[in-house]
Amino acid sequence: MKWYRVPDVEPNGQPFIKKIKPDGKNICLVGYEGEIFALSARCPHAGEDLSRGWCKEGKLVCPIHRFSYDLETGRGSTGQNDYVNTFPVKIKNNEVYVGINSFWGKIKSLFKREEMDYDD
């Protein structure tokens, strides 16, 4: 797993939604109730940019059709039968990092359980 530092984001407990693009991936970074989450920025229902949405009851809500996704798991709400990918977030020295598995990292993790190292 490779960790990418997110510029211009402080882990100060304030709510926010920001679109970032580490390693060419569109990711929605969300500050909600004192925690920071990272999810795919594209709604699987209609392709809308989820960073234009809002948070409600622990879910990121799509601004077009109101589909919603759990901030922790990425699972769609009951009846949606869809999900968005989630990414690990770590805070080190008051800076925010998002972890992304490369293609080969994903393949390796299928054969071997990969432990996250928060001290890199």
N, C-alpha and C. Protein backbone atom coordinates (compact mmCIF):
# COMPACT_ATOMS: atom_id res chain seq x y z
N MET A 1 0.85 -1.18 0.00
CA MET A 1 0.00 0.00 0.00
C MET A 1 0.89 1.23 0.00
N LYS A 2 0.50 2.19 -0.80
CA LYS A 2 1.23 3.45 -0.86
C LYS A 2 0.37 4.54 -0.22
N TRP A 3 1.01 5.37 0.59
CA TRP A 3 0.31 6.44 1.30
C TRP A 3 0.57 7.77 0.63
N TYR A 4 -0.49 8.54 0.41
CA TYR A 4 -0.40 9.85 -0.23
C TYR A 4 -0.83 10.93 0.76
N ARG A 5 0.04 11.93 0.92
CA ARG A 5 -0.29 13.06 1.79
C ARG A 5 -1.33 13.94 1.10
N VAL A 6 -2.31 14.37 1.86
CA VAL A 6 -3.37 15.23 1.32
C VAL A 6 -3.04 16.68 1.70
N PRO A 7 -2.75 17.51 0.71
CA PRO A 7 -2.43 18.91 1.03
C PRO A 7 -3.67 19.69 1.43
N ASP A 8 -3.45 20.73 2.21
CA ASP A 8 -4.51 21.68 2.59
C ASP A 8 -5.66 21.09 3.39
N VAL A 9 -5.40 20.02 4.14
CA VAL A 9 -6.42 19.46 5.02
C VAL A 9 -5.81 19.28 6.40
N GLU A 10 -6.42 19.89 7.39
CA GLU A 10 -5.97 19.73 8.78
C GLU A 10 -6.97 18.89 9.53
N PRO A 11 -6.49 17.93 10.31
CA PRO A 11 -7.42 17.12 11.11
C PRO A 11 -7.86 17.87 12.36
N ASN A 12 -8.73 18.85 12.17
CA ASN A 12 -9.14 19.72 13.28
C ASN A 12 -10.56 19.45 13.79
N GLY A 13 -11.19 18.40 13.30
CA GLY A 13 -12.53 18.05 13.77
C GLY A 13 -13.65 18.78 13.06
N GLN A 14 -13.34 19.71 12.17
CA GLN A 14 -14.36 20.45 11.45
C GLN A 14 -14.89 19.62 10.27
N PRO A 15 -16.19 19.69 10.00
CA PRO A 15 -16.75 18.93 8.87
C PRO A 15 -16.30 19.52 7.53
N PHE A 16 -16.06 18.66 6.57
CA PHE A 16 -15.70 19.10 5.22
C PHE A 16 -15.92 17.96 4.24
N ILE A 17 -15.99 18.29 2.97
CA ILE A 17 -15.97 17.32 1.87
C ILE A 17 -15.06 17.92 0.82
N LYS A 18 -14.07 17.14 0.40
CA LYS A 18 -13.09 17.63 -0.55
C LYS A 18 -12.74 16.52 -1.54
N LYS A 19 -12.67 16.87 -2.81
CA LYS A 19 -12.26 15.91 -3.82
C LYS A 19 -10.74 16.00 -3.99
N ILE A 20 -10.10 14.83 -3.96
CA ILE A 20 -8.66 14.76 -4.15
C ILE A 20 -8.38 13.75 -5.25
N LYS A 21 -7.13 13.75 -5.77
CA LYS A 21 -6.81 12.85 -6.87
C LYS A 21 -5.42 12.23 -6.70
N PRO A 22 -5.21 11.46 -5.62
CA PRO A 22 -3.92 10.79 -5.47
C PRO A 22 -3.82 9.60 -6.42
N ASP A 23 -2.66 9.41 -7.01
CA ASP A 23 -2.39 8.28 -7.91
C ASP A 23 -3.43 8.20 -9.04
N GLY A 24 -3.98 9.35 -9.45
CA GLY A 24 -4.94 9.40 -10.54
C GLY A 24 -6.34 8.94 -10.20
N LYS A 25 -6.61 8.66 -8.92
CA LYS A 25 -7.94 8.20 -8.50
C LYS A 25 -8.74 9.37 -7.93
N ASN A 26 -10.00 9.50 -8.36
CA ASN A 26 -10.88 10.53 -7.80
C ASN A 26 -11.44 10.02 -6.48
N ILE A 27 -11.05 10.69 -5.41
CA ILE A 27 -11.44 10.27 -4.07
C ILE A 27 -12.12 11.43 -3.36
N CYS A 28 -13.16 11.10 -2.64
CA CYS A 28 -13.89 12.07 -1.84
C CYS A 28 -13.41 11.93 -0.40
N LEU A 29 -12.76 12.96 0.11
CA LEU A 29 -12.28 12.96 1.49
C LEU A 29 -13.33 13.69 2.32
N VAL A 30 -13.77 13.05 3.41
CA VAL A 30 -14.88 13.58 4.19
C VAL A 30 -14.49 13.68 5.66
N GLY A 31 -14.64 14.87 6.21
CA GLY A 31 -14.50 15.08 7.64
C GLY A 31 -15.90 15.09 8.24
N TYR A 32 -16.17 14.13 9.13
CA TYR A 32 -17.52 14.01 9.67
C TYR A 32 -17.44 13.55 11.12
N GLU A 33 -18.04 14.31 12.01
CA GLU A 33 -18.09 14.00 13.44
C GLU A 33 -16.72 13.66 14.01
N GLY A 34 -15.72 14.47 13.66
CA GLY A 34 -14.38 14.34 14.22
C GLY A 34 -13.51 13.28 13.58
N GLU A 35 -14.01 12.57 12.59
CA GLU A 35 -13.22 11.55 11.89
C GLU A 35 -13.07 11.94 10.42
N ILE A 36 -12.08 11.31 9.75
CA ILE A 36 -11.87 11.56 8.33
C ILE A 36 -12.01 10.23 7.58
N PHE A 37 -12.78 10.26 6.51
CA PHE A 37 -13.05 9.08 5.70
C PHE A 37 -12.66 9.37 4.25
N ALA A 38 -12.35 8.31 3.51
CA ALA A 38 -12.03 8.45 2.08
C ALA A 38 -12.84 7.41 1.30
N LEU A 39 -13.59 7.89 0.31
CA LEU A 39 -14.43 7.03 -0.53
C LEU A 39 -14.24 7.42 -1.99
N SER A 40 -14.58 6.51 -2.88
CA SER A 40 -14.57 6.85 -4.31
C SER A 40 -15.47 8.06 -4.52
N ALA A 41 -15.06 8.95 -5.41
CA ALA A 41 -15.82 10.18 -5.63
C ALA A 41 -16.93 10.04 -6.67
N ARG A 42 -17.01 8.89 -7.33
CA ARG A 42 -18.00 8.70 -8.38
C ARG A 42 -19.15 7.84 -7.87
N CYS A 43 -20.36 8.35 -7.98
CA CYS A 43 -21.54 7.59 -7.59
C CYS A 43 -21.75 6.45 -8.58
N PRO A 44 -21.86 5.20 -8.11
CA PRO A 44 -22.05 4.08 -9.04
C PRO A 44 -23.42 4.06 -9.69
N HIS A 45 -24.36 4.79 -9.14
CA HIS A 45 -25.72 4.80 -9.69
C HIS A 45 -25.80 5.57 -11.00
N ALA A 46 -25.29 6.81 -11.00
CA ALA A 46 -25.41 7.62 -12.21
C ALA A 46 -24.13 8.39 -12.53
N GLY A 47 -23.04 8.09 -11.84
CA GLY A 47 -21.76 8.70 -12.17
C GLY A 47 -21.54 10.10 -11.64
N GLU A 48 -22.41 10.60 -10.81
CA GLU A 48 -22.28 11.95 -10.28
C GLU A 48 -21.07 12.05 -9.34
N ASP A 49 -20.53 13.26 -9.20
CA ASP A 49 -19.41 13.55 -8.31
C ASP A 49 -19.93 13.64 -6.87
N LEU A 50 -19.58 12.66 -6.05
CA LEU A 50 -20.07 12.63 -4.67
C LEU A 50 -19.52 13.76 -3.82
N SER A 51 -18.41 14.38 -4.23
CA SER A 51 -17.86 15.49 -3.44
C SER A 51 -18.78 16.71 -3.49
N ARG A 52 -19.77 16.70 -4.36
CA ARG A 52 -20.76 17.78 -4.41
C ARG A 52 -21.94 17.50 -3.49
N GLY A 53 -21.91 16.35 -2.83
CA GLY A 53 -23.00 15.95 -1.95
C GLY A 53 -22.84 16.46 -0.53
N TRP A 54 -23.47 15.79 0.42
CA TRP A 54 -23.44 16.17 1.83
C TRP A 54 -23.50 14.91 2.68
N CYS A 55 -23.28 15.09 3.97
CA CYS A 55 -23.33 13.96 4.90
C CYS A 55 -24.57 14.05 5.77
N LYS A 56 -25.14 12.87 6.02
CA LYS A 56 -26.30 12.79 6.90
C LYS A 56 -26.31 11.40 7.53
N GLU A 57 -26.38 11.36 8.84
CA GLU A 57 -26.47 10.11 9.60
C GLU A 57 -25.38 9.11 9.24
N GLY A 58 -24.13 9.60 9.10
CA GLY A 58 -23.00 8.73 8.82
C GLY A 58 -22.89 8.26 7.39
N LYS A 59 -23.62 8.94 6.49
CA LYS A 59 -23.59 8.55 5.08
C LYS A 59 -23.30 9.76 4.20
N LEU A 60 -22.64 9.48 3.08
CA LEU A 60 -22.40 10.50 2.06
C LEU A 60 -23.55 10.40 1.06
N VAL A 61 -24.23 11.52 0.83
CA VAL A 61 -25.43 11.54 -0.01
C VAL A 61 -25.11 12.15 -1.37
N CYS A 62 -25.48 11.43 -2.43
CA CYS A 62 -25.29 11.91 -3.80
C CYS A 62 -26.21 13.12 -4.05
N PRO A 63 -25.67 14.18 -4.67
CA PRO A 63 -26.48 15.40 -4.87
C PRO A 63 -27.55 15.27 -5.94
N ILE A 64 -27.51 14.23 -6.78
CA ILE A 64 -28.49 14.12 -7.87
C ILE A 64 -29.70 13.29 -7.49
N HIS A 65 -29.50 12.02 -7.18
CA HIS A 65 -30.63 11.13 -6.91
C HIS A 65 -30.78 10.75 -5.44
N ARG A 66 -29.94 11.33 -4.58
CA ARG A 66 -30.01 11.13 -3.13
C ARG A 66 -29.63 9.71 -2.69
N PHE A 67 -28.94 8.95 -3.54
CA PHE A 67 -28.41 7.67 -3.09
C PHE A 67 -27.38 7.98 -2.00
N SER A 68 -27.22 7.10 -1.02
CA SER A 68 -26.29 7.39 0.07
C SER A 68 -25.40 6.19 0.36
N TYR A 69 -24.20 6.49 0.85
CA TYR A 69 -23.17 5.49 1.07
C TYR A 69 -22.54 5.65 2.44
N ASP A 70 -22.45 4.54 3.16
CA ASP A 70 -21.88 4.52 4.50
C ASP A 70 -20.43 5.00 4.45
N LEU A 71 -20.08 5.96 5.31
CA LEU A 71 -18.74 6.53 5.29
C LEU A 71 -17.67 5.51 5.65
N GLU A 72 -17.99 4.55 6.50
CA GLU A 72 -17.00 3.57 6.93
C GLU A 72 -16.86 2.41 5.96
N THR A 73 -17.97 1.89 5.47
CA THR A 73 -17.93 0.67 4.66
C THR A 73 -18.11 0.92 3.16
N GLY A 74 -18.69 2.05 2.79
CA GLY A 74 -18.98 2.35 1.39
C GLY A 74 -20.26 1.70 0.88
N ARG A 75 -20.93 0.92 1.72
CA ARG A 75 -22.16 0.24 1.29
C ARG A 75 -23.29 1.22 1.06
N GLY A 76 -24.04 0.94 0.00
CA GLY A 76 -25.20 1.75 -0.29
C GLY A 76 -26.31 1.48 0.71
N SER A 77 -27.21 2.42 0.86
CA SER A 77 -28.34 2.26 1.77
C SER A 77 -29.23 1.11 1.35
N THR A 78 -30.07 0.66 2.25
CA THR A 78 -30.97 -0.46 2.00
C THR A 78 -31.73 -0.29 0.69
N GLY A 79 -31.72 -1.33 -0.12
CA GLY A 79 -32.43 -1.32 -1.39
C GLY A 79 -31.60 -0.85 -2.57
N GLN A 80 -30.44 -0.26 -2.33
CA GLN A 80 -29.62 0.23 -3.44
C GLN A 80 -28.82 -0.88 -4.11
N ASN A 81 -28.37 -1.84 -3.33
CA ASN A 81 -27.56 -2.94 -3.84
C ASN A 81 -26.31 -2.49 -4.59
N ASP A 82 -25.66 -1.45 -4.06
CA ASP A 82 -24.40 -1.00 -4.65
C ASP A 82 -23.47 -0.51 -3.55
N TYR A 83 -22.30 -0.08 -3.93
CA TYR A 83 -21.32 0.41 -2.97
C TYR A 83 -20.30 1.30 -3.68
N VAL A 84 -19.54 2.04 -2.89
CA VAL A 84 -18.37 2.75 -3.39
C VAL A 84 -17.16 2.21 -2.64
N ASN A 85 -16.01 2.26 -3.29
CA ASN A 85 -14.79 1.81 -2.63
C ASN A 85 -14.41 2.77 -1.51
N THR A 86 -13.81 2.23 -0.48
CA THR A 86 -13.29 3.06 0.61
C THR A 86 -11.78 2.89 0.65
N PHE A 87 -11.11 3.86 1.24
CA PHE A 87 -9.66 3.86 1.34
C PHE A 87 -9.27 4.18 2.77
N PRO A 88 -8.18 3.57 3.27
CA PRO A 88 -7.75 3.86 4.63
C PRO A 88 -7.19 5.28 4.75
N VAL A 89 -7.40 5.86 5.90
CA VAL A 89 -6.90 7.20 6.20
C VAL A 89 -6.06 7.11 7.46
N LYS A 90 -4.93 7.80 7.47
CA LYS A 90 -4.13 7.89 8.68
C LYS A 90 -3.70 9.34 8.87
N ILE A 91 -3.47 9.67 10.13
CA ILE A 91 -2.99 11.01 10.48
C ILE A 91 -1.64 10.84 11.15
N LYS A 92 -0.66 11.55 10.62
CA LYS A 92 0.70 11.48 11.16
C LYS A 92 1.27 12.89 11.18
N ASN A 93 1.77 13.30 12.33
CA ASN A 93 2.32 14.65 12.49
C ASN A 93 1.34 15.73 12.02
N ASN A 94 0.07 15.54 12.37
CA ASN A 94 -1.00 16.48 12.04
C ASN A 94 -1.21 16.64 10.52
N GLU A 95 -0.82 15.63 9.75
CA GLU A 95 -1.06 15.62 8.32
C GLU A 95 -1.91 14.40 7.98
N VAL A 96 -2.76 14.55 6.97
CA VAL A 96 -3.68 13.48 6.57
C VAL A 96 -3.09 12.72 5.38
N TYR A 97 -3.17 11.38 5.45
CA TYR A 97 -2.70 10.51 4.38
C TYR A 97 -3.81 9.55 3.97
N VAL A 98 -3.88 9.25 2.68
CA VAL A 98 -4.82 8.26 2.16
C VAL A 98 -4.00 7.13 1.56
N GLY A 99 -4.38 5.89 1.90
CA GLY A 99 -3.68 4.71 1.39
C GLY A 99 -4.35 4.13 0.16
N ILE A 100 -3.54 3.82 -0.84
CA ILE A 100 -4.07 3.24 -2.07
C ILE A 100 -3.24 2.02 -2.43
N ASN A 101 -3.93 0.91 -2.67
CA ASN A 101 -3.27 -0.31 -3.13
C ASN A 101 -3.06 -0.20 -4.63
N SER A 102 -1.87 -0.52 -5.08
CA SER A 102 -1.63 -0.60 -6.51
C SER A 102 -2.27 -1.88 -7.03
N PHE A 103 -2.30 -2.04 -8.31
CA PHE A 103 -2.84 -3.26 -8.91
C PHE A 103 -2.13 -4.48 -8.35
N TRP A 104 -0.80 -4.44 -8.34
CA TRP A 104 -0.04 -5.59 -7.85
C TRP A 104 -0.22 -5.77 -6.36
N GLY A 105 -0.41 -4.67 -5.64
CA GLY A 105 -0.68 -4.78 -4.20
C GLY A 105 -1.98 -5.50 -3.94
N LYS A 106 -2.98 -5.26 -4.78
CA LYS A 106 -4.26 -5.96 -4.64
C LYS A 106 -4.10 -7.45 -4.91
N ILE A 107 -3.33 -7.78 -5.95
CA ILE A 107 -3.09 -9.18 -6.28
C ILE A 107 -2.38 -9.88 -5.13
N LYS A 108 -1.34 -9.25 -4.58
CA LYS A 108 -0.60 -9.84 -3.47
C LYS A 108 -1.49 -10.04 -2.26
N SER A 109 -2.40 -9.09 -2.01
CA SER A 109 -3.25 -9.21 -0.83
C SER A 109 -4.24 -10.37 -0.95
N LEU A 110 -4.52 -10.82 -2.17
CA LEU A 110 -5.38 -11.98 -2.34
C LEU A 110 -4.71 -13.25 -1.82
N PHE A 111 -3.39 -13.28 -1.89
CA PHE A 111 -2.64 -14.47 -1.50
C PHE A 111 -2.04 -14.37 -0.11
N LYS A 112 -1.93 -13.16 0.40
CA LYS A 112 -1.31 -12.96 1.69
C LYS A 112 -1.99 -11.80 2.39
N ARG A 113 -2.34 -11.98 3.63
CA ARG A 113 -2.99 -10.90 4.36
C ARG A 113 -1.98 -9.79 4.60
N GLU A 114 -2.36 -8.58 4.17
CA GLU A 114 -1.45 -7.45 4.26
C GLU A 114 -1.81 -6.62 5.49
N GLU A 115 -0.83 -6.34 6.32
CA GLU A 115 -1.04 -5.52 7.51
C GLU A 115 -0.68 -4.07 7.18
N MET A 116 -1.48 -3.13 7.64
CA MET A 116 -1.16 -1.71 7.43
C MET A 116 -0.11 -1.29 8.44
N ASP A 117 0.90 -0.61 7.97
CA ASP A 117 1.96 -0.11 8.84
C ASP A 117 1.78 1.39 8.98
N TYR A 118 1.37 1.84 10.15
CA TYR A 118 1.10 3.25 10.37
C TYR A 118 2.36 4.02 10.76
N ASP A 119 3.49 3.37 10.79
CA ASP A 119 4.71 4.05 11.19
C ASP A 119 5.63 4.36 10.02
N ASP A 120 5.18 4.18 8.75
CA ASP A 120 6.09 4.49 7.66
C ASP A 120 6.29 5.98 7.53
